[in-house]
Protein backbone atom coordinates (compact mmCIF):
# COMPACT_ATOMS: atom_id res chain seq x y z
CA UNK A 1 19.75 -19.25 124.51
CA UNK A 2 19.54 -23.25 123.68
CA UNK A 3 21.08 -24.39 120.20
CA UNK A 4 17.55 -24.19 118.83
CA UNK A 5 16.64 -20.84 119.65
CA UNK A 6 19.95 -19.79 118.28
CA UNK A 7 18.98 -21.04 115.04
CA UNK A 8 15.61 -19.92 114.76
CA UNK A 9 17.12 -16.30 116.03
CA UNK A 10 19.17 -16.60 112.78
CA UNK A 11 22.47 -16.39 115.00
CA UNK A 12 23.86 -19.23 112.92
CA UNK A 13 27.70 -19.25 113.65
CA UNK A 14 26.67 -19.37 117.63
CA UNK A 15 23.88 -22.06 116.68
CA UNK A 16 26.80 -24.32 115.21
CA UNK A 17 29.15 -23.97 118.11
CA UNK A 18 26.51 -24.38 120.54
CA UNK A 19 25.21 -27.79 118.63
CA UNK A 20 28.98 -29.05 118.41
CA UNK A 21 29.12 -28.30 122.05
CA UNK A 22 26.25 -29.95 122.68
CA UNK A 23 27.38 -33.12 120.67
CA UNK A 24 30.62 -33.16 122.22
CA UNK A 25 29.06 -33.24 125.70
CA UNK A 26 26.50 -35.97 124.48
CA UNK A 27 27.74 -37.89 121.31
CA UNK A 28 24.60 -40.13 121.01
CA UNK A 29 22.60 -37.11 120.62
CA UNK A 30 21.56 -36.59 117.06
CA UNK A 31 21.51 -32.75 116.44
CA UNK A 32 22.98 -33.30 113.06
CA UNK A 33 19.68 -32.17 111.50
CA UNK A 34 19.70 -29.02 112.95
CA UNK A 35 23.63 -28.33 112.67
CA UNK A 36 23.29 -28.99 108.94
CA UNK A 37 20.55 -26.37 108.66
CA UNK A 38 22.54 -23.93 110.44
CA UNK A 39 25.60 -24.76 108.20
CA UNK A 40 23.55 -24.26 105.10
CA UNK A 41 22.39 -20.85 105.89
CA UNK A 42 26.08 -19.80 106.36
CA UNK A 43 26.75 -21.21 102.84
CA UNK A 44 29.10 -24.20 104.28
CA UNK A 45 27.85 -26.88 101.91
CA UNK A 46 30.13 -29.61 102.14
CA UNK A 47 30.06 -29.28 105.82
CA UNK A 48 26.22 -29.34 105.97
CA UNK A 49 26.23 -32.49 103.51
CA UNK A 50 28.44 -34.29 105.94
CA UNK A 51 26.20 -33.30 108.95
CA UNK A 52 23.08 -34.52 106.91
CA UNK A 53 25.02 -37.97 105.97
CA UNK A 54 25.89 -38.16 109.79
CA UNK A 55 22.28 -37.72 110.98
CA UNK A 56 21.15 -40.40 108.30
CA UNK A 57 23.47 -42.83 109.76
CA UNK A 58 22.58 -42.60 113.05
CA UNK A 59 18.92 -42.73 111.86
CA UNK A 60 18.99 -45.40 109.96
CA UNK A 61 20.06 -47.79 112.98
CA UNK A 62 16.44 -47.00 113.52
CA UNK A 63 15.14 -47.94 110.21
CA UNK A 64 14.81 -44.25 109.20
CA UNK A 65 16.88 -41.69 106.90
CA UNK A 66 15.42 -38.56 107.65
CA UNK A 67 17.41 -36.16 105.89
CA UNK A 68 17.66 -37.18 102.28
CA UNK A 69 16.02 -34.09 100.71
CA UNK A 70 18.66 -31.87 102.88
CA UNK A 71 21.59 -34.13 101.90
CA UNK A 72 20.29 -33.67 98.17
CA UNK A 73 19.92 -30.08 98.61
CA UNK A 74 23.46 -29.43 100.23
CA UNK A 75 24.83 -31.45 97.34
CA UNK A 76 22.99 -29.29 94.60
CA UNK A 77 24.38 -26.36 96.56
CA UNK A 78 27.73 -27.35 96.52
CA UNK A 79 27.77 -27.81 92.83
CA UNK A 80 26.82 -31.65 92.67
CA UNK A 81 23.56 -31.36 90.65
CA UNK A 82 23.61 -34.88 89.23
CA UNK A 83 24.57 -36.37 92.57
CA UNK A 84 21.37 -34.44 94.35
CA UNK A 85 19.06 -35.43 91.20
CA UNK A 86 20.05 -39.02 91.75
CA UNK A 87 19.51 -38.74 95.63
CA UNK A 88 16.14 -37.17 95.13
CA UNK A 89 15.02 -40.02 92.71
CA UNK A 90 16.38 -42.77 95.20
CA UNK A 91 14.27 -41.01 97.72
CA UNK A 92 11.43 -41.37 95.37
CA UNK A 93 11.85 -45.23 94.43
CA UNK A 94 12.70 -45.67 98.50
CA UNK A 95 9.07 -44.56 98.97
CA UNK A 96 7.48 -46.52 96.10
CA UNK A 97 8.92 -49.85 97.23
CA UNK A 98 8.50 -48.88 101.10
CA UNK A 99 12.05 -48.96 102.15
CA UNK A 100 12.04 -45.10 102.77
CA UNK A 101 9.34 -43.35 104.97
CA UNK A 102 7.87 -40.50 103.42
CA UNK A 103 8.59 -37.03 105.04
CA UNK A 104 5.35 -35.09 104.57
CA UNK A 105 1.67 -35.21 105.03
CA UNK A 106 1.30 -35.34 101.32
CA UNK A 107 3.13 -38.88 101.38
CA UNK A 108 6.24 -37.80 100.10
CA UNK A 109 5.41 -34.82 97.97
CA UNK A 110 8.40 -32.82 98.88
CA UNK A 111 10.72 -35.46 97.05
CA UNK A 112 8.86 -35.45 94.03
CA UNK A 113 8.65 -31.92 93.87
CA UNK A 114 12.43 -31.39 94.23
CA UNK A 115 13.23 -34.01 91.84
CA UNK A 116 10.91 -32.05 89.54
CA UNK A 117 12.69 -28.70 90.02
CA UNK A 118 16.16 -30.43 89.41
CA UNK A 119 14.53 -31.92 86.33
CA UNK A 120 13.31 -28.71 84.77
CA UNK A 121 16.58 -26.88 85.79
CA UNK A 122 18.85 -29.17 84.23
CA UNK A 123 16.35 -29.51 81.28
CA UNK A 124 16.28 -33.72 82.05
CA UNK A 125 13.08 -34.80 80.44
CA UNK A 126 13.23 -38.22 81.60
CA UNK A 127 13.70 -37.27 85.21
CA UNK A 128 10.84 -34.68 84.90
CA UNK A 129 8.52 -37.17 83.67
CA UNK A 130 9.19 -39.52 86.27
CA UNK A 131 8.86 -36.98 88.94
CA UNK A 132 5.48 -35.83 87.57
CA UNK A 133 4.43 -39.69 87.31
CA UNK A 134 5.17 -39.70 90.89
CA UNK A 135 3.34 -36.73 91.58
CA UNK A 136 0.09 -37.91 89.88
CA UNK A 137 0.09 -40.97 91.65
CA UNK A 138 0.02 -38.93 94.82
CA UNK A 139 -2.71 -36.79 93.86
CA UNK A 140 -4.86 -40.01 92.84
CA UNK A 141 -5.11 -40.57 96.72
CA UNK A 142 -8.42 -39.19 98.23
CA UNK A 143 -8.30 -36.49 100.92
CA UNK A 144 -10.83 -34.33 102.55
CA UNK A 145 -8.70 -31.52 103.80
CA UNK A 146 -5.92 -30.33 101.39
CA UNK A 147 -4.22 -28.05 103.57
CA UNK A 148 -3.73 -30.79 106.34
CA UNK A 149 -2.03 -32.68 103.08
CA UNK A 150 0.27 -30.15 102.56
CA UNK A 151 2.02 -29.50 99.86
CA UNK A 152 -0.36 -31.39 97.93
CA UNK A 153 -2.18 -28.39 96.68
CA UNK A 154 1.17 -27.44 95.00
CA UNK A 155 1.15 -30.67 93.40
CA UNK A 156 -2.01 -30.02 92.22
CA UNK A 157 -0.90 -26.47 90.80
CA UNK A 158 2.32 -28.03 89.31
CA UNK A 159 -0.07 -30.51 87.41
CA UNK A 160 -2.22 -28.17 86.13
CA UNK A 161 -5.36 -28.87 88.79
CA UNK A 162 -4.94 -26.04 90.91
CA UNK A 163 -4.73 -22.10 90.30
CA UNK A 164 -2.00 -20.00 92.22
CA UNK A 165 -4.44 -17.98 93.85
CA UNK A 166 -6.29 -21.07 95.42
CA UNK A 167 -2.91 -22.58 96.55
CA UNK A 168 -2.34 -19.14 98.25
CA UNK A 169 -5.83 -19.33 99.89
CA UNK A 170 -5.35 -23.01 101.03
CA UNK A 171 -2.10 -22.43 102.51
CA UNK A 172 -2.11 -18.69 103.73
CA UNK A 173 -5.67 -18.08 103.91
CA UNK A 174 -5.81 -15.33 101.09
CA UNK A 175 -5.86 -15.60 97.39
CA UNK A 176 -3.99 -12.29 97.38
CA UNK A 177 0.08 -12.29 97.40
CA UNK A 178 0.20 -9.22 99.17
CA UNK A 179 -1.86 -10.10 102.10
CA UNK A 180 0.20 -13.60 102.15
CA UNK A 181 3.48 -12.08 102.45
CA UNK A 182 2.06 -10.17 105.57
CA UNK A 183 0.82 -13.06 107.14
CA UNK A 184 3.92 -14.97 106.23
CA UNK A 185 6.04 -12.25 108.41
CA UNK A 186 4.10 -12.93 111.75
CA UNK A 187 3.44 -16.88 111.27
CA UNK A 188 6.10 -19.41 110.68
CA UNK A 189 3.75 -22.11 109.36
CA UNK A 190 2.21 -19.76 106.61
CA UNK A 191 5.84 -18.44 106.02
CA UNK A 192 7.41 -22.16 105.17
CA UNK A 193 4.05 -22.87 102.84
CA UNK A 194 4.01 -19.95 101.11
CA UNK A 195 8.14 -20.51 100.61
CA UNK A 196 7.35 -23.65 98.93
CA UNK A 197 4.52 -21.90 96.97
CA UNK A 198 6.77 -18.95 95.63
CA UNK A 199 9.67 -21.79 94.75
CA UNK A 200 7.44 -24.00 92.70
CA UNK A 201 5.46 -21.35 91.02
CA UNK A 202 9.08 -20.01 90.05
CA UNK A 203 9.57 -23.28 88.71
CA UNK A 204 6.71 -23.11 86.74
CA UNK A 205 7.79 -20.21 85.41
CA UNK A 206 11.12 -21.81 84.20
CA UNK A 207 9.52 -24.97 82.74
CA UNK A 208 7.09 -22.47 80.44
CA UNK A 209 10.04 -20.30 79.40
CA UNK A 210 9.65 -17.39 81.73
CA UNK A 211 12.88 -17.27 83.23
CA UNK A 212 12.58 -13.55 84.43
CA UNK A 213 9.35 -14.87 86.02
CA UNK A 214 11.13 -17.69 87.76
CA UNK A 215 13.90 -15.16 89.21
CA UNK A 216 11.34 -12.88 90.36
CA UNK A 217 9.51 -15.39 92.31
CA UNK A 218 12.81 -16.75 93.49
CA UNK A 219 13.57 -13.30 94.53
CA UNK A 220 10.31 -13.20 96.93
CA UNK A 221 11.11 -16.67 98.08
CA UNK A 222 14.54 -15.82 99.17
CA UNK A 223 13.48 -12.52 100.96
CA UNK A 224 11.04 -14.38 103.05
CA UNK A 225 12.68 -14.62 106.63
CA UNK A 226 14.33 -18.01 106.55
CA UNK A 227 11.93 -20.65 108.07
CA UNK A 228 14.82 -22.85 108.65
CA UNK A 229 13.00 -26.23 107.70
CA UNK A 230 12.52 -25.66 104.04
CA UNK A 231 15.05 -26.80 101.54
CA UNK A 232 13.44 -24.60 98.90
CA UNK A 233 14.44 -21.47 101.09
CA UNK A 234 18.11 -22.18 100.43
CA UNK A 235 17.71 -23.15 96.87
CA UNK A 236 15.72 -19.89 95.91
CA UNK A 237 18.44 -17.83 97.66
CA UNK A 238 20.95 -19.44 95.54
CA UNK A 239 19.06 -19.02 92.28
CA UNK A 240 18.83 -15.32 93.26
CA UNK A 241 22.39 -14.55 94.47
CA UNK A 242 23.35 -16.28 91.15
CA UNK A 243 21.19 -13.91 88.90
CA UNK A 244 22.33 -10.97 91.10
CA UNK A 245 25.84 -11.61 90.50
CA UNK A 246 25.41 -12.19 86.65
């Protein structure tokens, strides 16, 4: 099997070795993002951070830094939450000044959502307000197909302009969570969208002071089959695992 096939088959240890072998044979090949994802899945957060940084170094020569969210996520999971917050903050600032290209169809919404999550979790009102102001600036841009501009519907939810049921409908074709969970078990794109939806609804519960509701949604998110790409799944797994150990 190819390294990517191993990764998406959740054979992470084999995927790590396959990616490393491939890069030994072709040193100029940048598979560090995928390698980092496999290492994240294995819980090797410091190694994952090194891989994401290497990916950014190689792509920076082309004027791109594609793994900012992933690097910050690895920092967060390694216990470096303040450093992770600073990385997400810099990502937003870079998008605003044009020095960083955004990484999603909403125009960099994921960076803002991740900073908002970190700020809510660490009770940092200054960073939370900065993230919310950035997210409001994204919503001000007119679009005619919210699903295409994902995760824009989640941003609308966080800002109080959309309901949970409507975000489920836009992202997964049904306003009923049980139906969305069923669809997500068979469709990777729907799983990716449901992963993010559940994660940020959980954060919304935390912001409202409902920590039990937050952990319940984090648990649902982490029990989805790993969609590989979304940083939110790894964060949700850590949240749920921490709660289970308490």
